[in-house]
Amino acid sequence: MATRRKKNKLGVKNSLVNNINARKNKGISRSKKKGTVKKEDYDHLKKNEWD
């Protein structure tokens, strides 16, 4: 008997990567401007500096 996987409203299995890719394919991915990461945190990511 095959098990059915739960799918979210984007129609994909729940995982961060699947959600990002599904949004990208639908053309509704968030730009950096509308992102939820602060600019200073993003700069730390780019420089690879964490406390």
C-alpha atoms as a PDB file:
ATOM      1  CA  MET A   1       0.000   0.000   0.000  1.00  0.00           C
ATOM      2  CA  ALA A   2       1.465   3.352  -1.014  1.00  0.00           C
ATOM      3  CA  THR A   3       1.470   6.127   1.550  1.00  0.00           C
ATOM      4  CA  ARG A   4       0.352   9.588   0.558  1.00  0.00           C
ATOM      5  CA  ARG A   5       2.707  12.377   1.477  1.00  0.00           C
ATOM      6  CA  LYS A   6       1.327  15.544   2.995  1.00  0.00           C
ATOM      7  CA  LYS A   7       1.554  18.485   0.651  1.00  0.00           C
ATOM      8  CA  ASN A   8       1.339  22.155   1.451  1.00  0.00           C
ATOM      9  CA  LYS A   9      -0.628  24.838  -0.396  1.00  0.00           C
ATOM     10  CA  LEU A  10       2.103  25.044  -3.060  1.00  0.00           C
ATOM     11  CA  GLY A  11       1.538  21.374  -3.843  1.00  0.00           C
ATOM     12  CA  VAL A  12       4.944  20.091  -2.713  1.00  0.00           C
ATOM     13  CA  LYS A  13       6.196  18.025   0.214  1.00  0.00           C
ATOM     14  CA  ASN A  14       6.906  20.220   3.228  1.00  0.00           C
ATOM     15  CA  SER A  15      10.578  21.164   3.282  1.00  0.00           C
ATOM     16  CA  LEU A  16      12.431  24.442   3.052  1.00  0.00           C
ATOM     17  CA  VAL A  17      14.118  23.625  -0.262  1.00  0.00           C
ATOM     18  CA  ASN A  18      10.893  22.357  -1.849  1.00  0.00           C
ATOM     19  CA  ASN A  19       9.019  25.477  -0.733  1.00  0.00           C
ATOM     20  CA  ILE A  20      11.703  27.825  -2.099  1.00  0.00           C
ATOM     21  CA  ASN A  21      11.857  25.996  -5.428  1.00  0.00           C
ATOM     22  CA  ALA A  22       8.064  25.832  -5.752  1.00  0.00           C
ATOM     23  CA  ARG A  23       7.781  29.590  -5.119  1.00  0.00           C
ATOM     24  CA  LYS A  24      10.562  30.225  -7.631  1.00  0.00           C
ATOM     25  CA  ASN A  25       8.829  28.090 -10.290  1.00  0.00           C
ATOM     26  CA  LYS A  26       5.513  29.888  -9.720  1.00  0.00           C
ATOM     27  CA  GLY A  27       7.222  33.273  -9.985  1.00  0.00           C
ATOM     28  CA  ILE A  28       6.303  34.371  -6.459  1.00  0.00           C
ATOM     29  CA  SER A  29       9.679  34.126  -4.757  1.00  0.00           C
ATOM     30  CA  ARG A  30      10.676  36.994  -2.481  1.00  0.00           C
ATOM     31  CA  SER A  31      13.311  39.492  -3.506  1.00  0.00           C
ATOM     32  CA  LYS A  32      16.025  40.608  -1.089  1.00  0.00           C
ATOM     33  CA  LYS A  33      14.051  43.800  -0.522  1.00  0.00           C
ATOM     34  CA  LYS A  34      10.984  41.858   0.628  1.00  0.00           C
ATOM     35  CA  GLY A  35      13.014  39.219   2.489  1.00  0.00           C
ATOM     36  CA  THR A  36      12.843  38.620   6.201  1.00  0.00           C
ATOM     37  CA  VAL A  37      16.600  38.712   6.843  1.00  0.00           C
ATOM     38  CA  LYS A  38      17.977  42.024   8.142  1.00  0.00           C
ATOM     39  CA  LYS A  39      20.558  43.753   5.958  1.00  0.00           C
ATOM     40  CA  GLU A  40      23.230  43.612   8.664  1.00  0.00           C
ATOM     41  CA  ASP A  41      22.646  39.879   9.161  1.00  0.00           C
ATOM     42  CA  TYR A  42      22.860  39.337   5.414  1.00  0.00           C
ATOM     43  CA  ASP A  43      26.156  41.254   5.346  1.00  0.00           C
ATOM     44  CA  HIS A  44      27.464  38.993   8.127  1.00  0.00           C
ATOM     45  CA  LEU A  45      26.464  35.959   6.063  1.00  0.00           C
ATOM     46  CA  LYS A  46      28.326  37.282   3.036  1.00  0.00           C
ATOM     47  CA  LYS A  47      31.449  37.930   5.130  1.00  0.00           C
ATOM     48  CA  ASN A  48      30.980  34.611   6.980  1.00  0.00           C
ATOM     49  CA  GLU A  49      31.197  36.333  10.363  1.00  0.00           C
ATOM     50  CA  TRP A  50      29.130  35.060  13.257  1.00  0.00           C
ATOM     51  CA  ASP A  51      29.503  35.719  16.960  1.00  0.00           C
END
